[in-house]
C-alpha atoms as a PDB file:
ATOM      1  CA  MET A   1      92.479  27.350 155.784  1.00  0.00           C
ATOM      2  CA  TYR A   2      92.740  30.458 154.443  1.00  0.00           C
ATOM      3  CA  LEU A   3      88.567  30.274 152.903  1.00  0.00           C
ATOM      4  CA  ASP A   4      86.344  28.921 155.210  1.00  0.00           C
ATOM      5  CA  SER A   5      82.619  29.155 154.887  1.00  0.00           C
ATOM      6  CA  GLU A   6      82.413  31.590 158.056  1.00  0.00           C
ATOM      7  CA  LYS A   7      84.805  34.054 155.533  1.00  0.00           C
ATOM      8  CA  LYS A   8      82.928  32.680 152.591  1.00  0.00           C
ATOM      9  CA  LYS A   9      78.833  33.843 154.338  1.00  0.00           C
ATOM     10  CA  GLU A  10      80.956  37.063 155.440  1.00  0.00           C
ATOM     11  CA  ILE A  11      82.042  37.844 152.049  1.00  0.00           C
ATOM     12  CA  PHE A  12      78.644  37.165 150.496  1.00  0.00           C
ATOM     13  CA  ALA A  13      77.099  39.570 153.714  1.00  0.00           C
ATOM     14  CA  LYS A  14      79.101  42.179 152.932  1.00  0.00           C
ATOM     15  CA  HIS A  15      79.466  42.682 149.596  1.00  0.00           C
ATOM     16  CA  GLY A  16      76.103  40.152 148.407  1.00  0.00           C
ATOM     17  CA  GLY A  17      73.233  41.861 149.656  1.00  0.00           C
ATOM     18  CA  LYS A  18      72.356  38.238 152.083  1.00  0.00           C
ATOM     19  CA  ALA A  19      74.024  36.044 153.309  1.00  0.00           C
ATOM     20  CA  GLU A  20      72.198  32.992 151.022  1.00  0.00           C
ATOM     21  CA  ASN A  21      72.794  34.836 148.126  1.00  0.00           C
ATOM     22  CA  THR A  22      76.169  33.079 146.560  1.00  0.00           C
ATOM     23  CA  GLY A  23      74.987  33.945 142.482  1.00  0.00           C
ATOM     24  CA  SER A  24      74.969  38.111 142.906  1.00  0.00           C
ATOM     25  CA  PRO A  25      77.603  38.771 140.264  1.00  0.00           C
ATOM     26  CA  GLU A  26      79.167  41.377 143.767  1.00  0.00           C
ATOM     27  CA  GLY A  27      79.868  38.947 146.048  1.00  0.00           C
ATOM     28  CA  GLN A  28      81.159  36.533 142.892  1.00  0.00           C
ATOM     29  CA  ILE A  29      83.652  39.533 141.981  1.00  0.00           C
ATOM     30  CA  ALA A  30      84.369  39.814 145.641  1.00  0.00           C
ATOM     31  CA  LEU A  31      85.067  37.109 146.295  1.00  0.00           C
ATOM     32  CA  PHE A  32      87.615  35.864 143.729  1.00  0.00           C
ATOM     33  CA  THR A  33      89.377  39.394 144.762  1.00  0.00           C
ATOM     34  CA  TYR A  34      89.827  37.823 147.820  1.00  0.00           C
ATOM     35  CA  ARG A  35      91.062  34.212 146.143  1.00  0.00           C
ATOM     36  CA  ILE A  36      92.940  36.547 143.688  1.00  0.00           C
ATOM     37  CA  SER A  37      94.718  38.796 146.911  1.00  0.00           C
ATOM     38  CA  HIS A  38      95.813  35.683 148.508  1.00  0.00           C
ATOM     39  CA  LEU A  39      97.160  34.120 146.296  1.00  0.00           C
ATOM     40  CA  THR A  40      99.033  36.839 145.505  1.00  0.00           C
ATOM     41  CA  GLU A  41     101.360  37.326 148.108  1.00  0.00           C
ATOM     42  CA  HIS A  42     101.624  33.403 148.344  1.00  0.00           C
ATOM     43  CA  LEU A  43     103.759  33.698 144.588  1.00  0.00           C
ATOM     44  CA  LYS A  44     105.420  36.891 146.100  1.00  0.00           C
ATOM     45  CA  LYS A  45     107.254  33.581 148.589  1.00  0.00           C
ATOM     46  CA  ASN A  46     106.668  31.010 146.199  1.00  0.00           C
ATOM     47  CA  ARG A  47     108.275  32.247 142.673  1.00  0.00           C
ATOM     48  CA  LYS A  48     108.170  29.126 140.274  1.00  0.00           C
ATOM     49  CA  ASP A  49     104.676  27.212 141.833  1.00  0.00           C
ATOM     50  CA  TYR A  50     103.658  27.466 138.165  1.00  0.00           C
ATOM     51  CA  ARG A  51     100.163  26.478 139.189  1.00  0.00           C
ATOM     52  CA  THR A  52      99.575  28.006 141.355  1.00  0.00           C
ATOM     53  CA  GLN A  53      99.749  31.131 138.971  1.00  0.00           C
ATOM     54  CA  ARG A  54      97.397  29.925 136.065  1.00  0.00           C
ATOM     55  CA  GLY A  55      94.937  29.176 138.882  1.00  0.00           C
ATOM     56  CA  LEU A  56      95.931  32.832 139.237  1.00  0.00           C
ATOM     57  CA  GLN A  57      95.442  34.007 135.810  1.00  0.00           C
ATOM     58  CA  LEU A  58      91.970  31.603 135.262  1.00  0.00           C
ATOM     59  CA  LEU A  59      91.026  33.379 138.687  1.00  0.00           C
ATOM     60  CA  VAL A  60      92.130  36.909 136.810  1.00  0.00           C
ATOM     61  CA  GLY A  61      89.549  36.177 134.040  1.00  0.00           C
ATOM     62  CA  LYS A  62      86.874  34.971 135.336  1.00  0.00           C
ATOM     63  CA  ARG A  63      86.535  38.647 137.416  1.00  0.00           C
ATOM     64  CA  ARG A  64      87.111  40.162 134.488  1.00  0.00           C
ATOM     65  CA  LYS A  65      84.292  38.426 133.015  1.00  0.00           C
ATOM     66  CA  LEU A  66      81.581  38.817 135.647  1.00  0.00           C
ATOM     67  CA  LEU A  67      82.501  42.184 135.841  1.00  0.00           C
ATOM     68  CA  ASP A  68      82.341  42.676 131.676  1.00  0.00           C
ATOM     69  CA  TYR A  69      78.997  41.149 132.571  1.00  0.00           C
ATOM     70  CA  LEU A  70      77.726  43.550 135.172  1.00  0.00           C
ATOM     71  CA  LYS A  71      79.145  46.464 134.130  1.00  0.00           C
ATOM     72  CA  ALA A  72      76.563  45.257 130.572  1.00  0.00           C
ATOM     73  CA  LYS A  73      73.660  44.931 132.779  1.00  0.00           C
ATOM     74  CA  ASP A  74      74.024  47.854 135.464  1.00  0.00           C
ATOM     75  CA  ILE A  75      76.548  50.166 135.237  1.00  0.00           C
ATOM     76  CA  GLU A  76      75.599  51.794 138.613  1.00  0.00           C
ATOM     77  CA  ARG A  77      76.130  48.756 140.049  1.00  0.00           C
ATOM     78  CA  TYR A  78      79.558  48.126 138.173  1.00  0.00           C
ATOM     79  CA  ARG A  79      80.510  51.227 139.126  1.00  0.00           C
ATOM     80  CA  ALA A  80      80.120  50.747 143.481  1.00  0.00           C
ATOM     81  CA  ILE A  81      81.910  47.282 143.329  1.00  0.00           C
ATOM     82  CA  VAL A  82      84.733  48.499 141.978  1.00  0.00           C
ATOM     83  CA  LYS A  83      84.848  51.263 144.072  1.00  0.00           C
ATOM     84  CA  GLU A  84      83.961  50.332 147.173  1.00  0.00           C
ATOM     85  CA  LEU A  85      86.807  46.753 146.449  1.00  0.00           C
ATOM     86  CA  GLY A  86      89.544  49.857 145.302  1.00  0.00           C
ATOM     87  CA  LEU A  87      90.456  47.516 141.798  1.00  0.00           C
ATOM     88  CA  ARG A  88      91.392  49.286 139.256  1.00  0.00           C
ATOM     89  CA  ARG A  89      89.838  50.186 135.922  1.00  0.00           C
END
């Protein structure tokens, strides 16, 4: 499986502060970004997989909402996570 518990802990430790801090917006955004990149690669090979395409669109929307929340709460944390993940904004 592409996303096991060890990979999740690594992502949350790197972006969320601690591996146990799974609720931080930065950690959630990083996890969504990892999943989005995986699904994007899948869709490049499987163009007609419409269920995955819908799942990807939902993930992008969730990430967008979290980024908007973080931007409203703390602009410096928002700028840091966008720069760290290399997101276009």
